[in-house]
N, C-alpha and C. Protein backbone atom coordinates (compact mmCIF):
# COMPACT_ATOMS: atom_id res chain seq x y z
N MET A 1 9.70 -21.31 1.41
CA MET A 1 8.28 -21.01 1.41
C MET A 1 7.52 -22.18 2.03
N LYS A 2 6.55 -21.88 2.86
CA LYS A 2 5.74 -22.91 3.50
C LYS A 2 4.69 -23.43 2.52
N ASP A 3 4.16 -24.60 2.81
CA ASP A 3 3.19 -25.23 1.92
C ASP A 3 1.92 -24.40 1.74
N ASN A 4 1.51 -23.66 2.77
CA ASN A 4 0.26 -22.91 2.68
C ASN A 4 0.46 -21.47 2.21
N GLU A 5 1.67 -21.09 1.80
CA GLU A 5 1.93 -19.74 1.31
C GLU A 5 1.82 -19.69 -0.21
N VAL A 6 1.33 -18.56 -0.69
CA VAL A 6 1.21 -18.33 -2.13
C VAL A 6 1.87 -16.99 -2.44
N LEU A 7 2.71 -16.97 -3.44
CA LEU A 7 3.36 -15.73 -3.87
C LEU A 7 2.65 -15.18 -5.10
N THR A 8 2.61 -13.87 -5.19
CA THR A 8 2.05 -13.21 -6.36
C THR A 8 2.74 -11.87 -6.54
N ASP A 9 2.49 -11.22 -7.64
CA ASP A 9 3.02 -9.89 -7.90
C ASP A 9 1.86 -8.92 -7.99
N ALA A 10 2.12 -7.69 -7.60
CA ALA A 10 1.13 -6.62 -7.73
C ALA A 10 1.82 -5.43 -8.39
N ARG A 11 1.11 -4.77 -9.26
CA ARG A 11 1.64 -3.59 -9.95
C ARG A 11 0.83 -2.38 -9.49
N ILE A 12 1.52 -1.33 -9.07
CA ILE A 12 0.84 -0.11 -8.64
C ILE A 12 0.34 0.62 -9.89
N ILE A 13 -0.96 0.88 -9.92
CA ILE A 13 -1.59 1.54 -11.06
C ILE A 13 -1.79 3.02 -10.79
N LYS A 14 -2.18 3.35 -9.56
CA LYS A 14 -2.48 4.74 -9.22
C LYS A 14 -2.22 4.98 -7.74
N LEU A 15 -1.64 6.14 -7.42
CA LEU A 15 -1.46 6.57 -6.03
C LEU A 15 -2.46 7.68 -5.74
N PHE A 16 -3.00 7.69 -4.54
CA PHE A 16 -3.87 8.77 -4.10
C PHE A 16 -3.05 9.65 -3.16
N GLU A 17 -2.67 10.81 -3.64
CA GLU A 17 -1.83 11.72 -2.86
C GLU A 17 -2.57 13.02 -2.62
N PRO A 18 -2.25 13.76 -1.58
CA PRO A 18 -1.17 13.52 -0.64
C PRO A 18 -1.54 12.41 0.35
N PHE A 19 -0.53 11.72 0.84
CA PHE A 19 -0.74 10.70 1.86
C PHE A 19 -1.04 11.40 3.18
N THR A 20 -1.98 10.88 3.92
CA THR A 20 -2.27 11.42 5.25
C THR A 20 -1.70 10.44 6.27
N LEU A 21 -2.54 9.68 6.93
CA LEU A 21 -2.03 8.68 7.87
C LEU A 21 -1.72 7.36 7.18
N SER A 22 -2.28 7.16 6.01
CA SER A 22 -2.05 5.91 5.27
C SER A 22 -1.79 6.22 3.81
N SER A 23 -1.09 5.32 3.16
CA SER A 23 -0.90 5.40 1.72
C SER A 23 -1.99 4.56 1.07
N VAL A 24 -2.68 5.14 0.09
CA VAL A 24 -3.74 4.41 -0.60
C VAL A 24 -3.38 4.38 -2.08
N MET A 25 -3.54 3.20 -2.66
CA MET A 25 -3.22 3.04 -4.07
C MET A 25 -4.11 1.98 -4.70
N VAL A 26 -4.19 2.02 -6.01
CA VAL A 26 -4.85 0.96 -6.77
C VAL A 26 -3.74 0.05 -7.27
N VAL A 27 -3.88 -1.24 -7.02
CA VAL A 27 -2.90 -2.21 -7.49
C VAL A 27 -3.59 -3.21 -8.41
N ARG A 28 -2.85 -3.71 -9.35
CA ARG A 28 -3.36 -4.74 -10.26
C ARG A 28 -2.67 -6.04 -9.88
N ILE A 29 -3.49 -7.05 -9.61
CA ILE A 29 -2.97 -8.33 -9.14
C ILE A 29 -3.58 -9.44 -9.98
N ALA A 30 -2.81 -10.48 -10.19
CA ALA A 30 -3.30 -11.67 -10.87
C ALA A 30 -2.76 -12.88 -10.12
N CYS A 31 -3.62 -13.49 -9.33
CA CYS A 31 -3.21 -14.65 -8.54
C CYS A 31 -4.29 -15.72 -8.68
N SER A 32 -4.12 -16.58 -9.65
CA SER A 32 -5.13 -17.60 -9.91
C SER A 32 -5.25 -18.59 -8.75
N ASP A 33 -4.16 -18.81 -8.00
CA ASP A 33 -4.23 -19.73 -6.86
C ASP A 33 -5.21 -19.27 -5.79
N LEU A 34 -5.42 -17.96 -5.68
CA LEU A 34 -6.36 -17.42 -4.70
C LEU A 34 -7.61 -16.85 -5.35
N ALA A 35 -7.76 -17.04 -6.64
CA ALA A 35 -8.89 -16.51 -7.40
C ALA A 35 -8.99 -14.99 -7.26
N LEU A 36 -7.83 -14.32 -7.29
CA LEU A 36 -7.78 -12.86 -7.22
C LEU A 36 -7.26 -12.34 -8.54
N GLU A 37 -8.04 -11.50 -9.19
CA GLU A 37 -7.60 -10.87 -10.42
C GLU A 37 -8.23 -9.51 -10.54
N GLY A 38 -7.50 -8.58 -11.10
CA GLY A 38 -8.05 -7.25 -11.38
C GLY A 38 -7.45 -6.17 -10.51
N ASP A 39 -8.08 -4.99 -10.58
CA ASP A 39 -7.61 -3.84 -9.82
C ASP A 39 -8.26 -3.84 -8.44
N MET A 40 -7.45 -3.54 -7.44
CA MET A 40 -7.92 -3.54 -6.05
C MET A 40 -7.33 -2.36 -5.31
N ALA A 41 -8.05 -1.89 -4.31
CA ALA A 41 -7.54 -0.82 -3.46
C ALA A 41 -6.65 -1.44 -2.38
N LEU A 42 -5.51 -0.81 -2.16
CA LEU A 42 -4.58 -1.25 -1.13
C LEU A 42 -4.30 -0.06 -0.23
N LYS A 43 -4.54 -0.23 1.07
CA LYS A 43 -4.30 0.83 2.04
C LYS A 43 -3.25 0.35 3.01
N LEU A 44 -2.15 1.10 3.09
CA LEU A 44 -1.03 0.73 3.95
C LEU A 44 -0.80 1.81 4.99
N PHE A 45 -0.56 1.39 6.20
CA PHE A 45 -0.18 2.34 7.24
C PHE A 45 1.28 2.13 7.58
N ASP A 46 2.05 3.17 7.43
CA ASP A 46 3.46 3.15 7.83
C ASP A 46 3.73 4.54 8.39
N ARG A 47 3.89 4.64 9.68
CA ARG A 47 3.99 5.96 10.30
C ARG A 47 5.18 6.77 9.80
N ARG A 48 6.16 6.12 9.21
CA ARG A 48 7.28 6.88 8.64
C ARG A 48 6.82 7.78 7.50
N PHE A 49 5.76 7.37 6.81
CA PHE A 49 5.27 8.14 5.68
C PHE A 49 3.98 8.89 5.99
N ALA A 50 3.61 9.02 7.24
CA ALA A 50 2.38 9.70 7.65
C ALA A 50 2.59 11.21 7.54
N THR A 51 2.51 11.72 6.33
CA THR A 51 2.81 13.12 6.05
C THR A 51 1.98 14.07 6.90
N GLN A 52 0.68 13.85 6.95
CA GLN A 52 -0.20 14.75 7.71
C GLN A 52 0.12 14.72 9.20
N LEU A 53 0.35 13.54 9.74
CA LEU A 53 0.70 13.42 11.16
C LEU A 53 2.00 14.16 11.46
N ARG A 54 2.96 14.06 10.58
CA ARG A 54 4.25 14.75 10.78
C ARG A 54 4.05 16.26 10.76
N LYS A 55 3.18 16.76 9.88
CA LYS A 55 2.90 18.20 9.85
C LYS A 55 2.20 18.63 11.13
N ASP A 56 1.18 17.87 11.53
CA ASP A 56 0.42 18.21 12.74
C ASP A 56 1.30 18.24 13.98
N GLU A 57 2.22 17.32 14.07
CA GLU A 57 3.10 17.21 15.24
C GLU A 57 4.41 17.97 15.07
N LYS A 58 4.51 18.70 13.95
CA LYS A 58 5.71 19.49 13.64
C LYS A 58 6.99 18.65 13.69
N LEU A 59 6.91 17.50 13.04
CA LEU A 59 8.06 16.60 12.95
C LEU A 59 8.71 16.72 11.58
N ARG A 60 9.98 16.46 11.53
CA ARG A 60 10.70 16.49 10.25
C ARG A 60 10.24 15.32 9.37
N PRO A 61 10.35 15.49 8.06
CA PRO A 61 10.04 14.36 7.16
C PRO A 61 10.96 13.18 7.44
N TRP A 62 10.44 12.00 7.25
CA TRP A 62 11.23 10.79 7.44
C TRP A 62 12.22 10.67 6.29
N THR A 63 13.44 10.26 6.59
CA THR A 63 14.43 10.07 5.53
C THR A 63 15.02 8.69 5.59
């Protein structure tokens, strides 16, 4: 780990489904080194899980 890196843990509290182009969830984080605490929205884009895009383009689900 580099000197300017900080590690923390996040716990997924809630998922917003169905996923479209991005996965959205509420995560709970406690990182005193960055003064981050509480529930936060996390939006991730990973085209492998872009359910709506796969339906629109008639692509098979990612496995």
